Every structure is written in structure tokens, then in C-alpha cells.
């Protein structure tokens, strides 16, 4: 980045927000990794691409930034982690975090295509209207969540097996099932921080 010509773009305004969220979240290692990746993505769009300008119809040109590459961001985040703490790759938390992220990037899409229910077709070979209903969307969302869970569990399996000598097959399903209540819990917790009277503590404890 030192030799790249970085342009000011609206996306760069997102970067300070990630710093604030990481600070409020306790600045733990997982939070910092997520904040670092989210901050690097908009920066990539502000760095010159191989062909930095695209001709427009009115004769003017528009700046074209680099497209964020997940593997590059993953690698750069790991390099930053090692620079901060050279022995970080030996820690189980770091191994699980980066292995799970790599599995999500490389395996989720292929697994999702295998798990997504195919659209029913009528005699003419056209998709039936049922496929465009909310039920079909729920099926696709469930397949995506299960695919992500399988990808992450398989990617971290070598580390969990080497350290604990076991793994939990139930985690393949338990992880996606925990997402809805966890999402409600986080939303309720943020609202309670700002307006304590609106969200009962018992409701958060139940979630």
C-alpha cells in the first residue's frame, strides 16, 4: 500500500466504525481479526487496479479500484497477526479461527450447491411457482447455513482432533440452529445498552 495511489472514497468512512466496534467489543483477538478484515475490504477498492480507469459513455473516465480478494485478505490478516505476535500460529484459537475462515471461503459455495434443494419442474420443464415462495427461500438459507457449518467443522477437524482427540458431529447442525437466537440476543443486548427499560434481562438470559 505504501507505493499504491489510494483515492478517497465513501467506503473509507466505514473503517473508523470498525475500530469503534472492536473497542466496544473488548478488543479481543477474534474481534480484532474481524475488524481488520472488514477494514481491509473497502481499502482494496481504493487502490489502483491494473487498469485504473474505465471509459464512460460521455467521454469521461472513472476510477476503478481493486476487487477485494478473500484469500488475499485472509493472508494479509494472518501476516499482521504474526507480526503482532510471532508465536500466534501456535495458539489453538488462532489455528481454529483461520482454519474455519479458510474452510468457509473455499468450501461453502460448493457444499451449498450440493445441499440446496432443486427447483421442482412441471411437465414442460419449467420451474413451478412454488420455488419462488418463502418456503423455497427458507430452504436455500438453511442449505447455506448448513454448508457453512460443515465447511468450518471439516476445516478445523485436524486441530480439534489433534488437541482434544474427538469432534462433535452434532455441531454440524447445532451451529446453524444457534444463529437465530444468537442474532436476537445480540440485537437485544445492543438495544438494552441504549434503552435498558425496553429489553428485559430475563429475555436475554432465556435466549
Protein backbone atom coordinates (compact mmCIF):
# COMPACT_ATOMS: atom_id res chain seq x y z
CA UNK A 1 0.00 0.00 0.00
CA UNK A 2 2.96 2.35 0.50
CA UNK A 3 3.50 2.65 -3.25
CA UNK A 4 -0.16 2.49 -4.29
CA UNK A 5 -2.15 5.56 -5.16
CA UNK A 6 -5.07 5.44 -2.77
CA UNK A 7 -8.10 7.56 -3.55
CA UNK A 8 -10.59 8.86 -1.01
CA UNK A 9 -13.90 7.01 -1.37
CA UNK A 10 -17.07 6.94 0.74
CA UNK A 11 -16.34 3.33 1.71
CA UNK A 12 -13.33 4.51 3.72
CA UNK A 13 -15.72 6.12 6.20
CA UNK A 14 -16.58 2.59 7.30
CA UNK A 15 -13.08 1.98 8.65
CA UNK A 16 -13.44 4.13 11.82
CA UNK A 17 -16.70 2.35 12.63
CA UNK A 18 -14.90 -1.00 12.74
CA UNK A 19 -12.36 0.50 15.16
CA UNK A 20 -15.20 1.64 17.42
CA UNK A 21 -16.93 -1.76 17.30
CA UNK A 22 -13.67 -3.56 18.08
CA UNK A 23 -13.06 -1.28 21.05
CA UNK A 24 -16.59 -1.69 22.42
CA UNK A 25 -16.32 -5.45 21.91
CA UNK A 26 -13.34 -5.66 24.24
CA UNK A 27 -10.62 -5.71 21.55
CA UNK A 28 -10.24 -9.47 21.88
CA UNK A 29 -8.31 -11.37 19.23
CA UNK A 30 -11.38 -12.68 17.31
CA UNK A 31 -12.94 -9.20 17.30
CA UNK A 32 -9.72 -7.62 16.05
CA UNK A 33 -9.42 -10.19 13.25
CA UNK A 34 -12.95 -9.50 12.07
CA UNK A 35 -12.46 -5.74 12.27
CA UNK A 36 -9.18 -5.99 10.36
CA UNK A 37 -10.75 -7.97 7.52
CA UNK A 38 -13.76 -5.63 7.31
CA UNK A 39 -11.47 -2.60 7.26
CA UNK A 40 -9.19 -4.00 4.55
CA UNK A 41 -12.06 -4.78 2.15
CA UNK A 42 -13.08 -1.14 1.45
CA UNK A 43 -9.40 -0.15 1.26
CA UNK A 44 -8.92 -2.59 -1.62
CA UNK A 45 -11.49 -0.71 -3.71
CA UNK A 46 -9.47 2.48 -3.28
CA UNK A 47 -6.19 1.05 -4.61
CA UNK A 48 -5.36 1.32 -8.29
CA UNK A 49 -6.29 -1.70 -10.35
CA UNK A 50 -4.19 -2.95 -13.28
CA UNK A 51 -6.31 -0.68 -15.48
CA UNK A 52 -7.25 2.06 -13.00
CA UNK A 53 -9.63 3.99 -15.24
CA UNK A 54 -12.72 2.94 -17.20
CA UNK A 55 -14.08 4.98 -20.09
CA UNK A 56 -17.64 6.26 -19.71
CA UNK A 57 -20.15 6.94 -22.48
CA UNK A 58 -19.87 10.71 -22.13
CA UNK A 59 -16.13 10.61 -22.79
CA UNK A 60 -15.04 10.90 -19.19
CA UNK A 61 -13.21 8.23 -17.22
CA UNK A 62 -13.99 6.65 -13.86
CA UNK A 63 -11.55 5.32 -11.30
CA UNK A 64 -11.58 1.54 -10.93
CA UNK A 65 -10.24 0.05 -7.71
CA UNK A 66 -9.12 -3.46 -6.94
CA UNK A 67 -11.78 -6.03 -6.15
CA UNK A 68 -11.40 -7.39 -2.59
CA UNK A 69 -9.94 -10.88 -2.79
CA UNK A 70 -10.88 -13.08 0.22
CA UNK A 71 -7.71 -15.18 0.11
CA UNK A 72 -5.53 -12.08 -0.06
CA UNK A 73 -7.34 -10.53 2.90
CA UNK A 74 -7.03 -13.82 4.81
CA UNK A 75 -3.29 -13.96 4.11
CA UNK A 76 -2.67 -10.31 4.98
CA UNK A 77 -4.62 -10.65 8.24
CA UNK A 78 -2.55 -13.70 9.18
CA UNK A 79 0.67 -11.83 8.38
CA UNK A 80 -0.44 -8.95 10.61
CA UNK A 81 -1.27 -11.43 13.35
CA UNK A 82 2.20 -12.98 13.11
CA UNK A 83 3.88 -9.57 13.14
CA UNK A 84 1.98 -8.67 16.29
CA UNK A 85 2.73 -12.00 17.99
CA UNK A 86 5.22 -14.32 16.21
CA UNK A 87 4.02 -17.32 18.22
CA UNK A 88 0.36 -16.69 17.39
CA UNK A 89 0.10 -19.56 14.85
CA UNK A 90 0.90 -21.99 17.68
CA UNK A 91 -2.20 -20.92 19.64
CA UNK A 92 -5.28 -23.09 19.22
CA UNK A 93 -7.61 -20.10 18.98
CA UNK A 94 -5.66 -18.67 16.06
CA UNK A 95 -5.50 -22.04 14.31
CA UNK A 96 -9.24 -22.60 14.66
CA UNK A 97 -10.10 -19.06 13.59
CA UNK A 98 -8.06 -19.02 10.40
CA UNK A 99 -8.79 -22.63 9.51
CA UNK A 100 -12.54 -22.09 9.88
CA UNK A 101 -12.38 -18.91 7.79
CA UNK A 102 -10.40 -20.67 5.07
CA UNK A 103 -12.91 -23.51 5.03
CA UNK A 104 -15.79 -21.05 4.73
CA UNK A 105 -14.14 -19.32 1.76
CA UNK A 106 -13.16 -22.47 -0.12
CA UNK A 107 -15.91 -24.94 0.72
CA UNK A 108 -19.17 -23.17 1.44
CA UNK A 109 -20.20 -22.42 -2.14
CA UNK A 110 -19.61 -25.95 -3.40
CA UNK A 111 -21.35 -27.54 -0.41
CA UNK A 112 -24.26 -25.12 -0.75
CA UNK A 113 -24.80 -26.13 -4.36
CA UNK A 114 -24.92 -29.78 -3.26
CA UNK A 115 -27.37 -29.15 -0.41
CA UNK A 116 -29.69 -26.59 -2.00
CA UNK A 117 -32.98 -28.27 -2.99
CA UNK A 118 -33.54 -28.23 -6.71
CA UNK A 119 -36.49 -26.34 -8.09
CA UNK A 120 -39.47 -28.58 -8.93
CA UNK A 121 -40.42 -28.55 -12.60
CA UNK A 122 -43.67 -29.21 -14.39
CA UNK A 123 -44.21 -31.37 -17.46
CA UNK A 124 -42.93 -28.62 -19.74
CA UNK A 125 -39.60 -28.45 -17.89
CA UNK A 126 -40.28 -25.02 -16.36
CA UNK A 127 -39.81 -24.26 -12.67
CA UNK A 128 -43.04 -24.36 -10.68
CA UNK A 129 -44.21 -21.17 -8.90
CA UNK A 130 -43.66 -22.90 -5.56
CA UNK A 131 -39.92 -22.47 -6.00
CA UNK A 132 -40.23 -18.69 -5.69
CA UNK A 133 -42.15 -18.80 -2.41
CA UNK A 134 -40.89 -18.01 1.07
CA UNK A 135 -40.58 -21.74 1.77
CA UNK A 136 -38.02 -22.07 -1.01
CA UNK A 137 -36.07 -19.11 0.33
CA UNK A 138 -36.01 -20.71 3.76
CA UNK A 139 -34.69 -23.89 2.17
CA UNK A 140 -31.88 -22.05 0.42
CA UNK A 141 -30.98 -20.13 3.57
CA UNK A 142 -30.93 -23.36 5.59
CA UNK A 143 -28.73 -25.03 2.99
CA UNK A 144 -26.31 -22.09 3.11
CA UNK A 145 -26.12 -22.18 6.90
CA UNK A 146 -25.56 -25.94 6.97
CA UNK A 147 -22.95 -25.72 4.21
CA UNK A 148 -21.03 -23.05 6.13
CA UNK A 149 -21.14 -25.14 9.30
CA UNK A 150 -19.88 -28.27 7.52
CA UNK A 151 -17.09 -26.33 5.80
CA UNK A 152 -15.90 -24.78 9.07
CA UNK A 153 -16.09 -28.04 11.04
CA UNK A 154 -14.17 -30.02 8.42
CA UNK A 155 -11.51 -27.32 8.11
CA UNK A 156 -10.91 -27.23 11.87
CA UNK A 157 -11.16 -31.01 12.35
CA UNK A 158 -7.38 -31.64 12.20
CA UNK A 159 -6.76 -29.14 15.01
CA UNK A 160 -9.64 -30.23 17.25
CA UNK A 161 -8.79 -33.91 16.81
CA UNK A 162 -5.09 -33.36 17.49
CA UNK A 163 -5.80 -31.30 20.61
CA UNK A 164 -8.89 -33.00 22.09
CA UNK A 165 -8.95 -36.40 20.40
CA UNK A 166 -12.60 -36.03 19.46
CA UNK A 167 -15.08 -33.97 17.49
CA UNK A 168 -18.80 -33.33 17.72
CA UNK A 169 -20.94 -34.42 14.80
CA UNK A 170 -23.89 -32.63 16.41
CA UNK A 171 -22.03 -29.37 15.87
CA UNK A 172 -22.75 -29.61 12.15
CA UNK A 173 -26.42 -28.87 12.89
CA UNK A 174 -26.16 -27.16 16.28
CA UNK A 175 -24.15 -24.27 14.91
CA UNK A 176 -26.66 -23.10 12.26
CA UNK A 177 -29.55 -23.69 14.70
CA UNK A 178 -27.90 -21.35 17.21
CA UNK A 179 -27.69 -18.46 14.73
CA UNK A 180 -31.30 -17.14 15.09
CA UNK A 181 -31.32 -16.96 18.91
CA UNK A 182 -27.79 -15.55 18.92
CA UNK A 183 -28.83 -12.86 16.44
CA UNK A 184 -31.82 -11.93 18.61
CA UNK A 185 -29.59 -11.91 21.69
CA UNK A 186 -27.06 -9.54 20.11
CA UNK A 187 -29.79 -7.23 18.85
CA UNK A 188 -31.49 -7.22 22.25
CA UNK A 189 -28.18 -6.62 24.04
CA UNK A 190 -27.39 -3.58 21.90
CA UNK A 191 -30.87 -2.16 22.45
CA UNK A 192 -30.60 -2.79 26.20
CA UNK A 193 -27.31 -0.87 26.33
CA UNK A 194 -29.03 2.19 24.90
CA UNK A 195 -32.51 1.72 26.41
CA UNK A 196 -32.36 -0.64 29.42
CA UNK A 197 -36.08 -0.48 30.08
CA UNK A 198 -37.07 -1.77 26.64
CA UNK A 199 -35.41 -5.21 26.85
CA UNK A 200 -35.92 -7.35 29.99
CA UNK A 201 -32.82 -9.08 31.25
CA UNK A 202 -34.79 -12.31 31.65
CA UNK A 203 -35.46 -12.35 27.90
CA UNK A 204 -31.75 -12.07 27.12
CA UNK A 205 -30.99 -14.81 29.66
CA UNK A 206 -33.58 -17.09 28.01
CA UNK A 207 -32.00 -16.54 24.60
